[in-house]
Amino acid sequence: MKLLPSLVLAGFCVLAFMAPVATAQADDQQKLETFLKDKQLPNVSAPVELPSVEAIRDANGLYTQKWVGESFLDLREDLADATKAGKRLLVVFEQKGCIYCKKFHTEILSKKYINDYVRDNFVLLQINLWGDKEVIDFDGTPVTEKKLAGRWGVVNTPTAFFMPEKVAKDSKKSGRQLAVFPAFFPGAFGPLTTFDTFTWVKIKGYETGLGFQRFHIRRLKERGLG
């Protein structure tokens, strides 16, 4: 006889807990809509299959893109050059034989609408996980590529870091500490997830404090996929 009142009480407790959660979710959704109101999002409601963009291989056996330029690997200079060009710097750690690195270039960036967007809005800087080239980190420390990977805590590839538009000249922070968007693994994502990630960084969605997933779900619904 005592079971029914207990169940009723439990039900009220669940409802009392769910109410503020639902309110918070609604508030976050409204915050996202307000943020996106004046943003120009790429019009890819239904991506069409255009001729694919072929990747190339560099001297180290890494997959890359024809438009990826040479760098002296002073990350502070690379950042300044990217910002001057109106683009964002993306540092990607890759390695020879990595199946996800290959997928990133041959299955994700091979799609023209993604390739065009990345090329137009980002500077892609590739770091060889096992490379011996000298790199100057954002805090001015010179290290080899492989030591930079350890410094940034990189284990899996490809691991990508989106950098801020500016870094103080006297910064004492490494790139991992400065990244504006958590490291992600583009080769493990599908094309639309990767594309929406680049879009989220381009419009500085990370400044809202909202999670990327909410934005991605919204974009999928716009495409009729959610």
Protein backbone atom coordinates (compact mmCIF):
# COMPACT_ATOMS: atom_id res chain seq x y z
CA MET A 1 0.00 0.00 0.00
CA LYS A 2 2.93 2.31 0.55
CA LEU A 3 4.31 1.70 -2.97
CA LEU A 4 1.88 3.96 -4.84
CA PRO A 5 2.58 7.14 -2.83
CA SER A 6 6.29 6.51 -3.25
CA LEU A 7 5.93 6.21 -7.02
CA VAL A 8 3.87 9.39 -7.15
CA LEU A 9 6.49 11.24 -5.12
CA ALA A 10 9.24 9.93 -7.39
CA GLY A 11 7.31 11.13 -10.41
CA PHE A 12 7.00 14.63 -8.99
CA CYS A 13 10.73 14.65 -8.26
CA VAL A 14 11.54 13.68 -11.86
CA LEU A 15 9.24 16.39 -13.23
CA ALA A 16 10.74 18.96 -10.86
CA PHE A 17 14.21 18.02 -12.12
CA MET A 18 13.25 17.99 -15.81
CA ALA A 19 11.53 21.38 -15.80
CA PRO A 20 14.64 23.55 -15.23
CA VAL A 21 16.61 21.36 -17.65
CA ALA A 22 14.03 21.90 -20.38
CA THR A 23 14.00 25.64 -19.65
CA ALA A 24 17.78 25.82 -19.87
CA GLN A 25 17.75 23.95 -23.19
CA ALA A 26 15.12 26.31 -24.57
CA ASP A 27 17.16 29.30 -23.41
CA ASP A 28 20.29 27.91 -25.09
CA GLN A 29 18.38 27.32 -28.31
CA GLN A 30 17.08 30.89 -28.26
CA LYS A 31 20.61 32.14 -27.59
CA LEU A 32 21.83 30.20 -30.61
CA GLU A 33 19.07 31.55 -32.84
CA THR A 34 19.83 35.10 -31.74
CA PHE A 35 23.53 34.59 -32.43
CA LEU A 36 22.91 33.16 -35.90
CA LYS A 37 20.40 35.83 -36.89
CA ASP A 38 22.99 38.11 -38.51
CA LYS A 39 25.45 35.40 -39.57
CA GLN A 40 25.97 34.39 -43.17
CA LEU A 41 26.04 30.62 -43.22
CA PRO A 42 27.18 28.71 -46.29
CA ASN A 43 24.20 27.62 -48.34
CA VAL A 44 24.60 23.87 -48.34
CA SER A 45 21.08 22.69 -47.59
CA ALA A 46 21.50 19.74 -49.94
CA PRO A 47 25.13 19.20 -50.96
CA VAL A 48 25.48 18.12 -54.57
CA GLU A 49 28.19 15.80 -55.76
CA LEU A 50 30.52 17.97 -57.82
CA PRO A 51 33.76 16.69 -59.35
CA SER A 52 35.99 15.59 -56.48
CA VAL A 53 39.18 17.44 -55.55
CA GLU A 54 42.19 15.16 -55.73
CA ALA A 55 44.69 15.13 -52.88
CA ILE A 56 48.42 14.91 -53.49
CA ARG A 57 51.30 13.31 -51.56
CA ASP A 58 54.25 15.33 -50.29
CA ALA A 59 57.87 14.23 -49.93
CA ASN A 60 57.12 12.71 -46.50
CA GLY A 61 54.26 10.61 -47.82
CA LEU A 62 51.60 12.79 -46.20
CA TYR A 63 48.37 13.49 -48.02
CA THR A 64 47.90 17.20 -48.64
CA GLN A 65 46.22 19.76 -50.89
CA LYS A 66 47.63 21.63 -53.86
CA TRP A 67 46.83 24.97 -52.23
CA VAL A 68 48.66 24.25 -48.96
CA GLY A 69 51.67 26.57 -49.03
CA GLU A 70 55.16 26.31 -47.60
CA SER A 71 55.90 27.53 -44.09
CA PHE A 72 59.04 28.37 -42.12
CA LEU A 73 57.14 26.85 -39.17
CA ASP A 74 57.25 29.89 -36.94
CA LEU A 75 53.69 29.56 -35.69
CA ARG A 76 53.50 33.19 -34.61
CA GLU A 77 54.36 34.33 -38.13
CA ASP A 78 51.97 31.83 -39.68
CA LEU A 79 49.19 33.16 -37.46
CA ALA A 80 49.97 36.78 -38.34
CA ASP A 81 50.00 35.95 -42.06
CA ALA A 82 46.69 34.09 -41.83
CA THR A 83 45.00 36.91 -39.93
CA LYS A 84 46.35 39.48 -42.39
CA ALA A 85 44.77 37.47 -45.20
CA GLY A 86 41.45 37.42 -43.35
CA LYS A 87 41.70 33.70 -42.60
CA ARG A 88 42.02 31.46 -39.56
CA LEU A 89 45.04 29.29 -38.84
CA LEU A 90 44.40 25.57 -38.49
CA VAL A 91 47.28 23.39 -37.25
CA VAL A 92 46.82 19.72 -38.12
CA PHE A 93 49.06 16.89 -36.92
CA GLU A 94 49.24 14.03 -39.41
CA GLN A 95 51.46 11.03 -40.13
CA LYS A 96 52.32 8.71 -42.98
CA GLY A 97 50.15 5.61 -43.12
CA CYS A 98 47.33 7.14 -41.05
CA ILE A 99 44.03 5.92 -42.52
CA TYR A 100 42.07 8.79 -40.99
CA CYS A 101 44.53 11.36 -42.37
CA LYS A 102 43.99 9.82 -45.78
CA LYS A 103 40.22 9.93 -45.28
CA PHE A 104 40.37 13.61 -44.29
CA HIS A 105 42.02 14.47 -47.60
CA THR A 106 40.48 11.91 -49.96
CA GLU A 107 36.93 11.66 -48.60
CA ILE A 108 36.30 14.96 -46.76
CA LEU A 109 38.38 17.64 -48.47
CA SER A 110 37.77 15.82 -51.76
CA LYS A 111 34.25 17.27 -51.71
CA LYS A 112 34.47 20.55 -53.58
CA TYR A 113 32.10 22.54 -51.37
CA ILE A 114 34.19 21.65 -48.29
CA ASN A 115 37.51 22.14 -50.05
CA ASP A 116 36.47 25.56 -51.34
CA TYR A 117 35.25 26.69 -47.93
CA VAL A 118 38.39 25.58 -46.13
CA ARG A 119 40.70 27.05 -48.77
CA ASP A 120 38.85 30.38 -48.76
CA ASN A 121 38.63 30.79 -44.99
CA PHE A 122 41.54 28.92 -43.41
CA VAL A 123 45.29 28.48 -43.64
CA LEU A 124 46.05 24.79 -43.22
CA LEU A 125 49.40 24.08 -41.57
CA GLN A 126 50.33 20.40 -41.48
CA ILE A 127 52.71 19.06 -38.84
CA ASN A 128 54.34 15.65 -39.28
CA LEU A 129 53.83 13.71 -36.05
CA TRP A 130 57.27 12.12 -36.46
CA GLY A 131 58.95 15.01 -38.26
CA ASP A 132 62.31 16.55 -37.41
CA LYS A 133 61.76 20.03 -38.83
CA GLU A 134 62.14 22.83 -36.30
CA VAL A 135 58.94 24.56 -35.24
CA ILE A 136 58.71 27.68 -33.11
CA ASP A 137 55.74 27.39 -30.76
CA PHE A 138 53.60 30.39 -29.84
CA ASP A 139 55.58 30.95 -26.67
CA GLY A 140 58.79 31.23 -28.70
CA THR A 141 60.11 27.77 -27.84
CA PRO A 142 61.88 26.02 -30.75
CA VAL A 143 61.21 22.26 -30.93
CA THR A 144 61.03 19.54 -33.57
CA GLU A 145 57.68 18.58 -35.04
CA LYS A 146 57.57 15.36 -33.03
CA LYS A 147 58.43 17.19 -29.81
CA LEU A 148 55.74 19.75 -30.59
CA ALA A 149 53.27 16.88 -30.82
CA GLY A 150 54.28 15.76 -27.34
CA ARG A 151 54.11 19.33 -26.08
CA TRP A 152 50.56 19.66 -27.38
CA GLY A 153 49.53 16.25 -26.09
CA VAL A 154 48.87 14.82 -29.55
CA VAL A 155 48.56 11.04 -29.72
CA ASN A 156 46.04 10.34 -32.48
CA THR A 157 46.06 11.67 -36.03
CA PRO A 158 44.77 13.71 -37.61
CA THR A 159 44.41 16.07 -34.66
CA ALA A 160 43.42 19.63 -35.54
CA PHE A 161 43.72 22.85 -33.52
CA PHE A 162 41.92 26.05 -34.51
CA MET A 163 43.96 29.04 -33.42
CA PRO A 164 42.76 32.51 -32.34
CA GLU A 165 43.15 35.49 -34.65
CA LYS A 166 45.80 37.10 -32.45
CA VAL A 167 48.30 36.00 -29.83
CA ALA A 168 50.27 38.38 -27.62
CA LYS A 169 53.94 38.69 -28.62
CA ASP A 170 55.00 37.90 -25.08
CA SER A 171 52.64 34.94 -24.74
CA LYS A 172 53.90 32.15 -22.50
CA LYS A 173 51.33 29.66 -23.75
CA SER A 174 51.74 26.82 -26.22
CA GLY A 175 49.37 26.29 -29.10
CA ARG A 176 47.30 23.72 -27.26
CA GLN A 177 46.58 26.25 -24.50
CA LEU A 178 45.68 28.93 -27.04
CA ALA A 179 43.38 26.92 -29.32
CA VAL A 180 39.88 28.41 -29.46
CA PHE A 181 38.19 25.13 -30.30
CA PRO A 182 39.04 21.79 -28.68
CA ALA A 183 41.22 19.49 -30.75
CA PHE A 184 39.15 17.35 -33.09
CA PHE A 185 39.76 14.41 -35.38
CA PRO A 186 38.47 15.43 -38.83
CA GLY A 187 39.25 12.07 -40.42
CA ALA A 188 36.95 10.31 -37.96
CA PHE A 189 34.02 12.60 -38.77
CA GLY A 190 31.70 12.57 -41.74
CA PRO A 191 31.74 15.37 -44.34
CA LEU A 192 28.84 17.37 -42.89
CA THR A 193 30.14 17.22 -39.30
CA THR A 194 33.55 18.40 -40.49
CA PHE A 195 32.03 21.11 -42.66
CA ASP A 196 29.87 22.39 -39.81
CA THR A 197 32.92 22.44 -37.52
CA PHE A 198 34.75 24.74 -39.92
CA THR A 199 31.64 26.91 -40.19
CA TRP A 200 31.29 27.10 -36.40
CA VAL A 201 34.85 28.38 -36.08
CA LYS A 202 34.48 30.78 -39.00
CA ILE A 203 31.47 32.50 -37.38
CA LYS A 204 33.16 32.31 -33.94
CA GLY A 205 30.40 30.22 -32.45
CA TYR A 206 32.79 29.12 -29.71
CA GLU A 207 32.49 32.61 -28.21
CA THR A 208 28.83 31.97 -27.34
CA GLY A 209 29.67 29.34 -24.75
CA LEU A 210 27.22 27.00 -26.47
CA GLY A 211 28.19 23.53 -27.58
CA PHE A 212 28.95 22.83 -31.23
CA GLN A 213 26.58 19.86 -31.20
CA ARG A 214 23.53 22.11 -30.89
CA PHE A 215 24.62 24.08 -33.96
CA HIS A 216 25.34 20.88 -35.90
CA ILE A 217 21.90 19.45 -35.11
CA ARG A 218 20.30 22.68 -36.29
CA ARG A 219 22.20 22.52 -39.57
CA LEU A 220 21.23 18.89 -40.11
CA LYS A 221 17.57 19.82 -39.65
CA GLU A 222 17.97 22.59 -42.21
CA ARG A 223 19.19 19.93 -44.64
CA GLY A 224 16.25 17.72 -43.84
CA LEU A 225 18.50 15.19 -42.12
CA GLY A 226 17.64 15.79 -38.48
